[in-house]
PDB file of N, CA and C in Angstrom:
ATOM      1  N   MET A   1      15.771  -1.737  -6.336  1.00  0.00           N
ATOM      2  CA  MET A   1      14.760  -2.744  -6.156  1.00  0.00           C
ATOM      3  C   MET A   1      14.686  -3.559  -7.098  1.00  0.00           C
ATOM      4  N   SER A   2      15.379  -3.294  -8.128  1.00  0.00           N
ATOM      5  CA  SER A   2      15.402  -4.513  -8.878  1.00  0.00           C
ATOM      6  C   SER A   2      16.329  -5.853  -8.990  1.00  0.00           C
ATOM      7  N   HIS A   3      16.904  -5.513  -7.536  1.00  0.00           N
ATOM      8  CA  HIS A   3      17.950  -7.242  -7.835  1.00  0.00           C
ATOM      9  C   HIS A   3      16.738  -7.826  -6.912  1.00  0.00           C
ATOM     10  N   HIS A   4      15.289  -7.440  -6.147  1.00  0.00           N
ATOM     11  CA  HIS A   4      14.480  -8.563  -5.947  1.00  0.00           C
ATOM     12  C   HIS A   4      13.970  -9.692  -6.868  1.00  0.00           C
ATOM     13  N   PRO A   5      13.605  -9.462  -7.796  1.00  0.00           N
ATOM     14  CA  PRO A   5      13.324 -10.543  -9.153  1.00  0.00           C
ATOM     15  C   PRO A   5      14.460 -11.756  -8.858  1.00  0.00           C
ATOM     16  N   SER A   6      16.291 -11.424  -8.626  1.00  0.00           N
ATOM     17  CA  SER A   6      16.605 -12.365  -8.581  1.00  0.00           C
ATOM     18  C   SER A   6      16.923 -12.693  -7.538  1.00  0.00           C
ATOM     19  N   TYR A   7      16.352 -12.596  -6.029  1.00  0.00           N
ATOM     20  CA  TYR A   7      16.861 -13.486  -5.362  1.00  0.00           C
ATOM     21  C   TYR A   7      15.546 -14.158  -5.268  1.00  0.00           C
ATOM     22  N   ALA A   8      14.342 -13.785  -5.965  1.00  0.00           N
ATOM     23  CA  ALA A   8      13.438 -14.655  -5.360  1.00  0.00           C
ATOM     24  C   ALA A   8      13.870 -15.789  -6.883  1.00  0.00           C
ATOM     25  N   MET A   9      14.423 -15.063  -8.397  1.00  0.00           N
ATOM     26  CA  MET A   9      14.789 -16.664  -8.823  1.00  0.00           C
ATOM     27  C   MET A   9      16.037 -17.676  -8.235  1.00  0.00           C
ATOM     28  N   THR A  10      16.777 -16.946  -6.918  1.00  0.00           N
ATOM     29  CA  THR A  10      17.880 -17.863  -6.767  1.00  0.00           C
ATOM     30  C   THR A  10      16.947 -18.562  -5.829  1.00  0.00           C
ATOM     31  N   ALA A  11      15.819 -18.215  -5.195  1.00  0.00           N
ATOM     32  CA  ALA A  11      15.128 -18.774  -3.793  1.00  0.00           C
ATOM     33  C   ALA A  11      14.251 -20.511  -5.138  1.00  0.00           C
ATOM     34  N   LEU A  12      13.963 -19.923  -5.775  1.00  0.00           N
ATOM     35  CA  LEU A  12      13.046 -20.745  -6.326  1.00  0.00           C
ATOM     36  C   LEU A  12      14.435 -21.942  -6.997  1.00  0.00           C
ATOM     37  N   CYS A  13      15.398 -21.313  -7.828  1.00  0.00           N
ATOM     38  CA  CYS A  13      15.812 -22.536  -8.438  1.00  0.00           C
ATOM     39  C   CYS A  13      16.715 -23.154  -8.173  1.00  0.00           C
ATOM     40  N   THR A  14      17.014 -23.184  -6.619  1.00  0.00           N
ATOM     41  CA  THR A  14      17.980 -23.039  -5.452  1.00  0.00           C
ATOM     42  C   THR A  14      16.743 -24.878  -4.787  1.00  0.00           C
ATOM     43  N   ALA A  15      16.052 -24.065  -4.246  1.00  0.00           N
ATOM     44  CA  ALA A  15      14.545 -25.518  -3.743  1.00  0.00           C
ATOM     45  C   ALA A  15      14.396 -26.087  -5.028  1.00  0.00           C
ATOM     46  N   GLY A  16      14.393 -26.163  -6.272  1.00  0.00           N
ATOM     47  CA  GLY A  16      13.738 -26.803  -6.971  1.00  0.00           C
ATOM     48  C   GLY A  16      15.090 -27.700  -7.748  1.00  0.00           C
ATOM     49  N   GLY A  17      16.190 -26.958  -7.223  1.00  0.00           N
ATOM     50  CA  GLY A  17      17.136 -28.532  -7.856  1.00  0.00           C
ATOM     51  C   GLY A  17      16.776 -29.122  -6.901  1.00  0.00           C
ATOM     52  N   ILE A  18      17.217 -28.957  -5.489  1.00  0.00           N
ATOM     53  CA  ILE A  18      16.956 -29.845  -4.534  1.00  0.00           C
ATOM     54  C   ILE A  18      15.797 -30.561  -4.101  1.00  0.00           C
ATOM     55  N   ALA A  19      15.000 -30.334  -4.799  1.00  0.00           N
ATOM     56  CA  ALA A  19      13.692 -30.975  -4.387  1.00  0.00           C
ATOM     57  C   ALA A  19      13.781 -31.872  -5.603  1.00  0.00           C
ATOM     58  N   GLY A  20      14.630 -31.814  -6.683  1.00  0.00           N
ATOM     59  CA  GLY A  20      14.577 -32.848  -7.516  1.00  0.00           C
ATOM     60  C   GLY A  20      15.308 -34.080  -7.632  1.00  0.00           C
ATOM     61  N   TYR A  21      17.129 -33.201  -7.071  1.00  0.00           N
ATOM     62  CA  TYR A  21      17.266 -34.307  -6.189  1.00  0.00           C
ATOM     63  C   TYR A  21      16.577 -35.254  -4.990  1.00  0.00           C
ATOM     64  N   ALA A  22      15.812 -34.630  -4.595  1.00  0.00           N
ATOM     65  CA  ALA A  22      15.396 -35.401  -2.894  1.00  0.00           C
ATOM     66  C   ALA A  22      14.062 -36.572  -4.079  1.00  0.00           C
ATOM     67  N   ARG A  23      13.516 -35.924  -4.507  1.00  0.00           N
ATOM     68  CA  ARG A  23      12.573 -36.523  -5.280  1.00  0.00           C
ATOM     69  C   ARG A  23      13.158 -38.724  -5.792  1.00  0.00           C
ATOM     70  N   SER A  24      14.232 -37.718  -6.788  1.00  0.00           N
ATOM     71  CA  SER A  24      14.484 -38.119  -8.206  1.00  0.00           C
ATOM     72  C   SER A  24      16.129 -39.214  -8.039  1.00  0.00           C
ATOM     73  N   ARG A  25      16.525 -38.251  -6.643  1.00  0.00           N
ATOM     74  CA  ARG A  25      17.835 -38.718  -6.895  1.00  0.00           C
ATOM     75  C   ARG A  25      18.673 -37.963  -8.198  1.00  0.00           C
ATOM     76  N   SER A  26      18.334 -36.981  -8.813  1.00  0.00           N
ATOM     77  CA  SER A  26      19.322 -36.645  -9.908  1.00  0.00           C
ATOM     78  C   SER A  26      19.778 -35.469  -9.622  1.00  0.00           C
ATOM     79  N   VAL A  27      21.177 -36.225  -9.753  1.00  0.00           N
ATOM     80  CA  VAL A  27      22.399 -35.296 -10.253  1.00  0.00           C
ATOM     81  C   VAL A  27      22.017 -34.186 -10.544  1.00  0.00           C
ATOM     82  N   PRO A  28      21.808 -34.482 -11.937  1.00  0.00           N
ATOM     83  CA  PRO A  28      22.107 -33.168 -12.927  1.00  0.00           C
ATOM     84  C   PRO A  28      20.376 -32.154 -12.274  1.00  0.00           C
ATOM     85  N   SER A  29      19.773 -32.499 -12.048  1.00  0.00           N
ATOM     86  CA  SER A  29      18.545 -31.511 -11.344  1.00  0.00           C
ATOM     87  C   SER A  29      19.766 -31.178  -9.954  1.00  0.00           C
ATOM     88  N   LEU A  30      20.803 -31.494  -9.888  1.00  0.00           N
ATOM     89  CA  LEU A  30      21.031 -30.575  -8.406  1.00  0.00           C
ATOM     90  C   LEU A  30      22.182 -29.519  -8.838  1.00  0.00           C
ATOM     91  N   VAL A  31      22.770 -30.358  -9.785  1.00  0.00           N
ATOM     92  CA  VAL A  31      23.840 -28.996  -9.972  1.00  0.00           C
ATOM     93  C   VAL A  31      23.413 -28.241 -11.123  1.00  0.00           C
ATOM     94  N   ALA A  32      22.093 -27.941 -11.843  1.00  0.00           N
ATOM     95  CA  ALA A  32      21.429 -27.247 -12.639  1.00  0.00           C
ATOM     96  C   ALA A  32      20.786 -26.404 -11.993  1.00  0.00           C
ATOM     97  N   GLY A  33      19.916 -26.965 -10.798  1.00  0.00           N
ATOM     98  CA  GLY A  33      19.471 -25.777  -9.934  1.00  0.00           C
ATOM     99  C   GLY A  33      20.153 -24.529  -8.765  1.00  0.00           C
ATOM    100  N   VAL A  34      21.544 -25.751  -8.087  1.00  0.00           N
ATOM    101  CA  VAL A  34      22.205 -24.608  -7.472  1.00  0.00           C
ATOM    102  C   VAL A  34      23.252 -23.962  -8.836  1.00  0.00           C
ATOM    103  N   GLY A  35      23.594 -24.591  -9.977  1.00  0.00           N
ATOM    104  CA  GLY A  35      24.346 -23.227 -10.294  1.00  0.00           C
ATOM    105  C   GLY A  35      23.617 -22.397 -11.143  1.00  0.00           C
ATOM    106  N   VAL A  36      22.619 -22.254 -12.157  1.00  0.00           N
ATOM    107  CA  VAL A  36      21.160 -21.357 -12.223  1.00  0.00           C
ATOM    108  C   VAL A  36      20.978 -20.612 -10.783  1.00  0.00           C
ATOM    109  N   GLY A  37      20.656 -21.564  -9.633  1.00  0.00           N
ATOM    110  CA  GLY A  37      20.573 -19.906  -8.635  1.00  0.00           C
ATOM    111  C   GLY A  37      21.551 -19.519  -8.410  1.00  0.00           C
ATOM    112  N   ALA A  38      23.065 -19.815  -8.030  1.00  0.00           N
ATOM    113  CA  ALA A  38      24.059 -19.185  -7.751  1.00  0.00           C
ATOM    114  C   ALA A  38      24.081 -18.091  -9.281  1.00  0.00           C
ATOM    115  N   MET A  39      24.200 -18.357 -10.561  1.00  0.00           N
ATOM    116  CA  MET A  39      24.023 -17.221 -11.559  1.00  0.00           C
ATOM    117  C   MET A  39      22.775 -16.372 -10.869  1.00  0.00           C
ATOM    118  N   TYR A  40      22.054 -16.265 -10.245  1.00  0.00           N
ATOM    119  CA  TYR A  40      21.449 -15.505  -9.931  1.00  0.00           C
ATOM    120  C   TYR A  40      21.574 -14.424  -8.716  1.00  0.00           C
ATOM    121  N   GLY A  41      22.076 -15.622  -8.142  1.00  0.00           N
ATOM    122  CA  GLY A  41      22.817 -14.878  -6.708  1.00  0.00           C
ATOM    123  C   GLY A  41      23.491 -14.091  -6.793  1.00  0.00           C
ATOM    124  N   VAL A  42      24.801 -13.971  -7.687  1.00  0.00           N
ATOM    125  CA  VAL A  42      25.808 -12.910  -8.259  1.00  0.00           C
ATOM    126  C   VAL A  42      24.797 -12.100  -8.956  1.00  0.00           C
ATOM    127  N   ALA A  43      24.392 -12.652  -9.831  1.00  0.00           N
ATOM    128  CA  ALA A  43      23.035 -11.025 -10.314  1.00  0.00           C
ATOM    129  C   ALA A  43      22.517 -10.203  -8.973  1.00  0.00           C
ATOM    130  N   SER A  44      22.208 -10.715  -8.325  1.00  0.00           N
ATOM    131  CA  SER A  44      21.713 -10.175  -6.990  1.00  0.00           C
ATOM    132  C   SER A  44      22.585  -9.653  -6.045  1.00  0.00           C
ATOM    133  N   TYR A  45      23.777 -10.101  -6.209  1.00  0.00           N
ATOM    134  CA  TYR A  45      25.057  -9.365  -5.380  1.00  0.00           C
ATOM    135  C   TYR A  45      25.140  -7.839  -6.260  1.00  0.00           C
ATOM    136  N   LEU A  46      25.787  -8.349  -7.668  1.00  0.00           N
ATOM    137  CA  LEU A  46      25.971  -7.098  -8.593  1.00  0.00           C
ATOM    138  C   LEU A  46      24.761  -5.918  -8.615  1.00  0.00           C
ATOM    139  N   ILE A  47      23.946  -6.239  -8.423  1.00  0.00           N
ATOM    140  CA  ILE A  47      22.673  -5.668  -8.825  1.00  0.00           C
ATOM    141  C   ILE A  47      22.378  -4.297  -7.609  1.00  0.00           C
ATOM    142  N   LYS A  48      22.766  -5.470  -6.355  1.00  0.00           N
ATOM    143  CA  LYS A  48      22.001  -4.624  -5.073  1.00  0.00           C
ATOM    144  C   LYS A  48      23.411  -3.668  -5.015  1.00  0.00           C
ATOM    145  N   GLU A  49      25.112  -3.674  -5.202  1.00  0.00           N
ATOM    146  CA  GLU A  49      25.862  -2.920  -5.011  1.00  0.00           C
ATOM    147  C   GLU A  49      26.639  -1.917  -5.669  1.00  0.00           C
ATOM    148  N   ASN A  50      25.375  -2.187  -7.453  1.00  0.00           N
ATOM    149  CA  ASN A  50      25.829  -1.302  -8.134  1.00  0.00           C
ATOM    150  C   ASN A  50      26.891  -1.117  -8.965  1.00  0.00           C
ATOM    151  N   LYS A  51      26.751  -2.424  -9.496  1.00  0.00           N
ATOM    152  CA  LYS A  51      28.083  -2.970  -9.635  1.00  0.00           C
ATOM    153  C   LYS A  51      27.932  -2.927 -11.391  1.00  0.00           C
ATOM    154  N   TYR A  52      28.967  -3.835 -12.108  1.00  0.00           N
ATOM    155  CA  TYR A  52      28.658  -3.569 -13.149  1.00  0.00           C
ATOM    156  C   TYR A  52      28.093  -5.495 -14.037  1.00  0.00           C
ATOM    157  N   TYR A  53      27.653  -5.189 -14.894  1.00  0.00           N
ATOM    158  CA  TYR A  53      26.908  -6.491 -15.290  1.00  0.00           C
ATOM    159  C   TYR A  53      26.406  -7.519 -14.362  1.00  0.00           C
ATOM    160  N   GLY A  54      25.400  -6.422 -13.639  1.00  0.00           N
ATOM    161  CA  GLY A  54      24.525  -7.379 -13.036  1.00  0.00           C
ATOM    162  C   GLY A  54      22.849  -7.770 -13.605  1.00  0.00           C
ATOM    163  N   HIS A  55      22.667  -6.912 -14.135  1.00  0.00           N
ATOM    164  CA  HIS A  55      21.897  -7.063 -15.396  1.00  0.00           C
ATOM    165  C   HIS A  55      21.431  -7.852 -16.487  1.00  0.00           C
ATOM    166  N   GLU A  56      22.871  -8.491 -16.736  1.00  0.00           N
ATOM    167  CA  GLU A  56      23.346  -8.972 -17.889  1.00  0.00           C
ATOM    168  C   GLU A  56      23.441  -9.976 -17.624  1.00  0.00           C
ATOM    169  N   THR A  57      24.083 -10.733 -16.482  1.00  0.00           N
ATOM    170  CA  THR A  57      23.995 -12.059 -15.200  1.00  0.00           C
ATOM    171  C   THR A  57      22.945 -12.222 -15.457  1.00  0.00           C
ATOM    172  N   GLY A  58      21.834 -11.390 -14.804  1.00  0.00           N
ATOM    173  CA  GLY A  58      20.427 -11.715 -14.873  1.00  0.00           C
ATOM    174  C   GLY A  58      20.007 -12.111 -15.952  1.00  0.00           C
ATOM    175  N   VAL A  59      19.672 -12.008 -17.335  1.00  0.00           N
ATOM    176  CA  VAL A  59      19.800 -12.338 -18.142  1.00  0.00           C
ATOM    177  C   VAL A  59      19.917 -13.444 -18.825  1.00  0.00           C
ATOM    178  N   ALA A  60      21.156 -13.593 -18.302  1.00  0.00           N
ATOM    179  CA  ALA A  60      22.181 -14.643 -19.009  1.00  0.00           C
ATOM    180  C   ALA A  60      21.445 -16.117 -18.037  1.00  0.00           C
ATOM    181  N   ALA A  61      20.939 -15.966 -16.991  1.00  0.00           N
ATOM    182  CA  ALA A  61      20.893 -16.628 -15.763  1.00  0.00           C
ATOM    183  C   ALA A  61      19.365 -17.104 -16.585  1.00  0.00           C
ATOM    184  N   SER A  62      18.491 -16.384 -17.393  1.00  0.00           N
ATOM    185  CA  SER A  62      17.164 -16.795 -17.344  1.00  0.00           C
ATOM    186  C   SER A  62      17.297 -16.923 -19.066  1.00  0.00           C
ATOM    187  N   ILE A  63      18.160 -16.942 -19.493  1.00  0.00           N
ATOM    188  CA  ILE A  63      17.927 -17.689 -20.796  1.00  0.00           C
ATOM    189  C   ILE A  63      18.807 -18.463 -20.215  1.00  0.00           C
ATOM    190  N   VAL A  64      19.832 -19.411 -19.639  1.00  0.00           N
ATOM    191  CA  VAL A  64      20.237 -20.886 -19.315  1.00  0.00           C
ATOM    192  C   VAL A  64      18.534 -21.114 -18.853  1.00  0.00           C
ATOM    193  N   LEU A  65      18.139 -20.881 -18.006  1.00  0.00           N
ATOM    194  CA  LEU A  65      17.077 -21.681 -17.241  1.00  0.00           C
ATOM    195  C   LEU A  65      16.054 -21.566 -18.496  1.00  0.00           C
ATOM    196  N   ALA A  66      15.359 -20.721 -18.813  1.00  0.00           N
ATOM    197  CA  ALA A  66      14.165 -20.856 -20.620  1.00  0.00           C
ATOM    198  C   ALA A  66      15.012 -22.432 -21.545  1.00  0.00           C
ATOM    199  N   SER A  67      16.394 -21.951 -22.130  1.00  0.00           N
ATOM    200  CA  SER A  67      15.963 -23.109 -22.588  1.00  0.00           C
ATOM    201  C   SER A  67      16.287 -24.476 -22.325  1.00  0.00           C
ATOM    202  N   SER A  68      16.667 -24.894 -20.756  1.00  0.00           N
ATOM    203  CA  SER A  68      16.639 -26.062 -20.814  1.00  0.00           C
ATOM    204  C   SER A  68      14.689 -25.969 -20.306  1.00  0.00           C
ATOM    205  N   MET A  69      14.001 -25.381 -19.512  1.00  0.00           N
ATOM    206  CA  MET A  69      12.886 -25.477 -19.400  1.00  0.00           C
ATOM    207  C   MET A  69      11.750 -25.460 -20.054  1.00  0.00           C
ATOM    208  N   ALA A  70      11.606 -24.233 -21.016  1.00  0.00           N
ATOM    209  CA  ALA A  70      10.677 -24.173 -22.145  1.00  0.00           C
ATOM    210  C   ALA A  70      10.795 -25.661 -22.712  1.00  0.00           C
ATOM    211  N   PRO A  71      11.303 -25.783 -23.140  1.00  0.00           N
ATOM    212  CA  PRO A  71      11.269 -27.534 -24.430  1.00  0.00           C
ATOM    213  C   PRO A  71      10.726 -28.126 -23.244  1.00  0.00           C
ATOM    214  N   LYS A  72      11.145 -28.628 -21.916  1.00  0.00           N
ATOM    215  CA  LYS A  72      10.495 -29.436 -21.195  1.00  0.00           C
ATOM    216  C   LYS A  72       9.032 -28.897 -20.760  1.00  0.00           C
ATOM    217  N   ALA A  73       8.636 -28.047 -20.514  1.00  0.00           N
ATOM    218  CA  ALA A  73       7.183 -27.219 -20.230  1.00  0.00           C
ATOM    219  C   ALA A  73       6.261 -27.694 -21.040  1.00  0.00           C
ATOM    220  N   ILE A  74       7.170 -27.513 -22.542  1.00  0.00           N
ATOM    221  CA  ILE A  74       6.573 -27.724 -23.355  1.00  0.00           C
ATOM    222  C   ILE A  74       5.648 -28.872 -23.795  1.00  0.00           C
ATOM    223  N   ARG A  75       6.525 -29.861 -23.953  1.00  0.00           N
ATOM    224  CA  ARG A  75       6.655 -31.481 -23.950  1.00  0.00           C
ATOM    225  C   ARG A  75       6.337 -32.311 -23.201  1.00  0.00           C
ATOM    226  N   THR A  76       5.967 -32.228 -21.528  1.00  0.00           N
ATOM    227  CA  THR A  76       5.439 -32.367 -20.497  1.00  0.00           C
ATOM    228  C   THR A  76       4.010 -31.325 -20.000  1.00  0.00           C
ATOM    229  N   ARG A  77       4.135 -30.791 -20.169  1.00  0.00           N
ATOM    230  CA  ARG A  77       2.952 -29.536 -19.796  1.00  0.00           C
ATOM    231  C   ARG A  77       2.356 -30.014 -18.547  1.00  0.00           C
ATOM    232  N   LYS A  78       3.456 -30.074 -17.262  1.00  0.00           N
ATOM    233  CA  LYS A  78       3.452 -30.507 -15.992  1.00  0.00           C
ATOM    234  C   LYS A  78       3.597 -29.137 -14.785  1.00  0.00           C
ATOM    235  N   PRO A  79       3.293 -28.409 -14.503  1.00  0.00           N
ATOM    236  CA  PRO A  79       2.975 -27.367 -13.378  1.00  0.00           C
ATOM    237  C   PRO A  79       4.530 -26.833 -12.892  1.00  0.00           C
ATOM    238  N   ILE A  80       5.945 -28.038 -12.543  1.00  0.00           N
ATOM    239  CA  ILE A  80       6.706 -26.936 -12.138  1.00  0.00           C
ATOM    240  C   ILE A  80       7.421 -26.626 -13.790  1.00  0.00           C
ATOM    241  N   PRO A  81       7.606 -27.295 -14.235  1.00  0.00           N
ATOM    242  CA  PRO A  81       8.457 -26.762 -15.728  1.00  0.00           C
ATOM    243  C   PRO A  81       7.927 -25.831 -16.287  1.00  0.00           C
ATOM    244  N   VAL A  82       6.760 -25.580 -16.583  1.00  0.00           N
ATOM    245  CA  VAL A  82       5.767 -24.221 -16.548  1.00  0.00           C
ATOM    246  C   VAL A  82       5.731 -22.916 -16.132  1.00  0.00           C
ATOM    247  N   THR A  83       6.157 -23.418 -14.530  1.00  0.00           N
ATOM    248  CA  THR A  83       6.467 -22.448 -14.039  1.00  0.00           C
ATOM    249  C   THR A  83       7.698 -21.736 -13.867  1.00  0.00           C
ATOM    250  N   PHE A  84       8.983 -22.483 -13.849  1.00  0.00           N
ATOM    251  CA  PHE A  84       9.969 -22.435 -14.380  1.00  0.00           C
ATOM    252  C   PHE A  84      10.044 -21.624 -15.695  1.00  0.00           C
ATOM    253  N   ALA A  85       9.487 -22.618 -16.299  1.00  0.00           N
ATOM    254  CA  ALA A  85       9.898 -21.716 -17.683  1.00  0.00           C
ATOM    255  C   ALA A  85       9.070 -20.047 -18.302  1.00  0.00           C
ATOM    256  N   ILE A  86       8.099 -19.954 -16.895  1.00  0.00           N
ATOM    257  CA  ILE A  86       7.025 -18.725 -17.370  1.00  0.00           C
ATOM    258  C   ILE A  86       7.638 -17.463 -16.500  1.00  0.00           C
ATOM    259  N   CYS A  87       8.632 -18.047 -15.224  1.00  0.00           N
ATOM    260  CA  CYS A  87       9.063 -17.327 -14.432  1.00  0.00           C
ATOM    261  C   CYS A  87      10.713 -16.452 -15.174  1.00  0.00           C
ATOM    262  N   SER A  88      11.157 -18.083 -15.773  1.00  0.00           N
ATOM    263  CA  SER A  88      12.568 -17.125 -16.336  1.00  0.00           C
ATOM    264  C   SER A  88      12.698 -16.220 -17.633  1.00  0.00           C
ATOM    265  N   VAL A  89      11.797 -16.538 -18.347  1.00  0.00           N
ATOM    266  CA  VAL A  89      11.040 -15.683 -19.186  1.00  0.00           C
ATOM    267  C   VAL A  89      10.546 -14.486 -18.529  1.00  0.00           C
ATOM    268  N   ALA A  90      10.224 -14.113 -17.898  1.00  0.00           N
ATOM    269  CA  ALA A  90       9.437 -13.023 -17.294  1.00  0.00           C
ATOM    270  C   ALA A  90      10.953 -12.501 -16.633  1.00  0.00           C
ATOM    271  N   THR A  91      11.477 -13.001 -15.794  1.00  0.00           N
ATOM    272  CA  THR A  91      12.850 -12.237 -15.173  1.00  0.00           C
ATOM    273  C   THR A  91      13.562 -11.822 -16.474  1.00  0.00           C
ATOM    274  N   GLY A  92      14.150 -12.612 -17.205  1.00  0.00           N
ATOM    275  CA  GLY A  92      14.786 -12.193 -18.534  1.00  0.00           C
ATOM    276  C   GLY A  92      14.353 -10.657 -19.344  1.00  0.00           C
ATOM    277  N   ILE A  93      13.231 -10.870 -19.798  1.00  0.00           N
ATOM    278  CA  ILE A  93      12.512  -9.788 -20.148  1.00  0.00           C
ATOM    279  C   ILE A  93      12.452  -8.383 -19.386  1.00  0.00           C
ATOM    280  N   TYR A  94      12.221  -8.865 -17.821  1.00  0.00           N
ATOM    281  CA  TYR A  94      12.338  -7.453 -16.993  1.00  0.00           C
ATOM    282  C   TYR A  94      13.750  -7.189 -17.213  1.00  0.00           C
ATOM    283  N   TYR A  95      14.969  -8.050 -16.813  1.00  0.00           N
ATOM    284  CA  TYR A  95      16.095  -6.892 -17.030  1.00  0.00           C
ATOM    285  C   TYR A  95      16.495  -6.673 -18.584  1.00  0.00           C
ATOM    286  N   SER A  96      16.210  -7.853 -18.683  1.00  0.00           N
ATOM    287  CA  SER A  96      16.193  -6.968 -20.853  1.00  0.00           C
ATOM    288  C   SER A  96      16.212  -5.434 -20.837  1.00  0.00           C
ATOM    289  N   LYS A  97      15.008  -5.111 -20.294  1.00  0.00           N
ATOM    290  CA  LYS A  97      14.222  -3.802 -20.194  1.00  0.00           C
ATOM    291  C   LYS A  97      15.050  -2.992 -19.081  1.00  0.00           C
ATOM    292  N   LYS A  98      15.671  -3.499 -18.676  1.00  0.00           N
ATOM    293  CA  LYS A  98      16.407  -2.439 -17.311  1.00  0.00           C
ATOM    294  C   LYS A  98      18.243  -2.414 -17.742  1.00  0.00           C
ATOM    295  N   ILE A  99      18.180  -3.505 -19.104  1.00  0.00           N
ATOM    296  CA  ILE A  99      19.302  -2.649 -19.754  1.00  0.00           C
ATOM    297  C   ILE A  99      19.264  -1.588 -20.565  1.00  0.00           C
ATOM    298  N   VAL A 100      18.135  -2.124 -21.258  1.00  0.00           N
ATOM    299  CA  VAL A 100      17.648  -0.604 -22.472  1.00  0.00           C
ATOM    300  C   VAL A 100      17.741   0.485 -21.378  1.00  0.00           C
ATOM    301  N   GLU A 101      16.752   0.738 -20.101  1.00  0.00           N
ATOM    302  CA  GLU A 101      16.515   1.730 -20.226  1.00  0.00           C
ATOM    303  C   GLU A 101      18.002   2.141 -19.368  1.00  0.00           C
ATOM    304  N   TYR A 102      19.190   1.935 -19.143  1.00  0.00           N
ATOM    305  CA  TYR A 102      20.621   2.092 -18.486  1.00  0.00           C
ATOM    306  C   TYR A 102      21.031   3.036 -20.057  1.00  0.00           C
ATOM    307  N   TRP A 103      21.057   2.161 -21.122  1.00  0.00           N
ATOM    308  CA  TRP A 103      21.277   2.772 -21.952  1.00  0.00           C
ATOM    309  C   TRP A 103      21.368   3.883 -22.568  1.00  0.00           C
TER     310      TRP A 103
END
């Protein structure tokens, strides 16, 4: 069950990257959104298949997303960056808790 947040973040990041590209032709948004979405997708697969480093990959993806979206959310206070920042921090906390539980 702990792979579900990663599936949601995969869809959210990929859709956000595609939307950013469609709206403003921003190639960095497309690459970043699909890249972070792919990281969450890999984390989902690893967690679901009960392989090593799934939760750690989820934390890494959350750190990458939070480090780019949190400053933008604070600076602009627009709803999309704020949503991405909150979701990435929440997902990172959730997977960090899972890592601690398994130790």
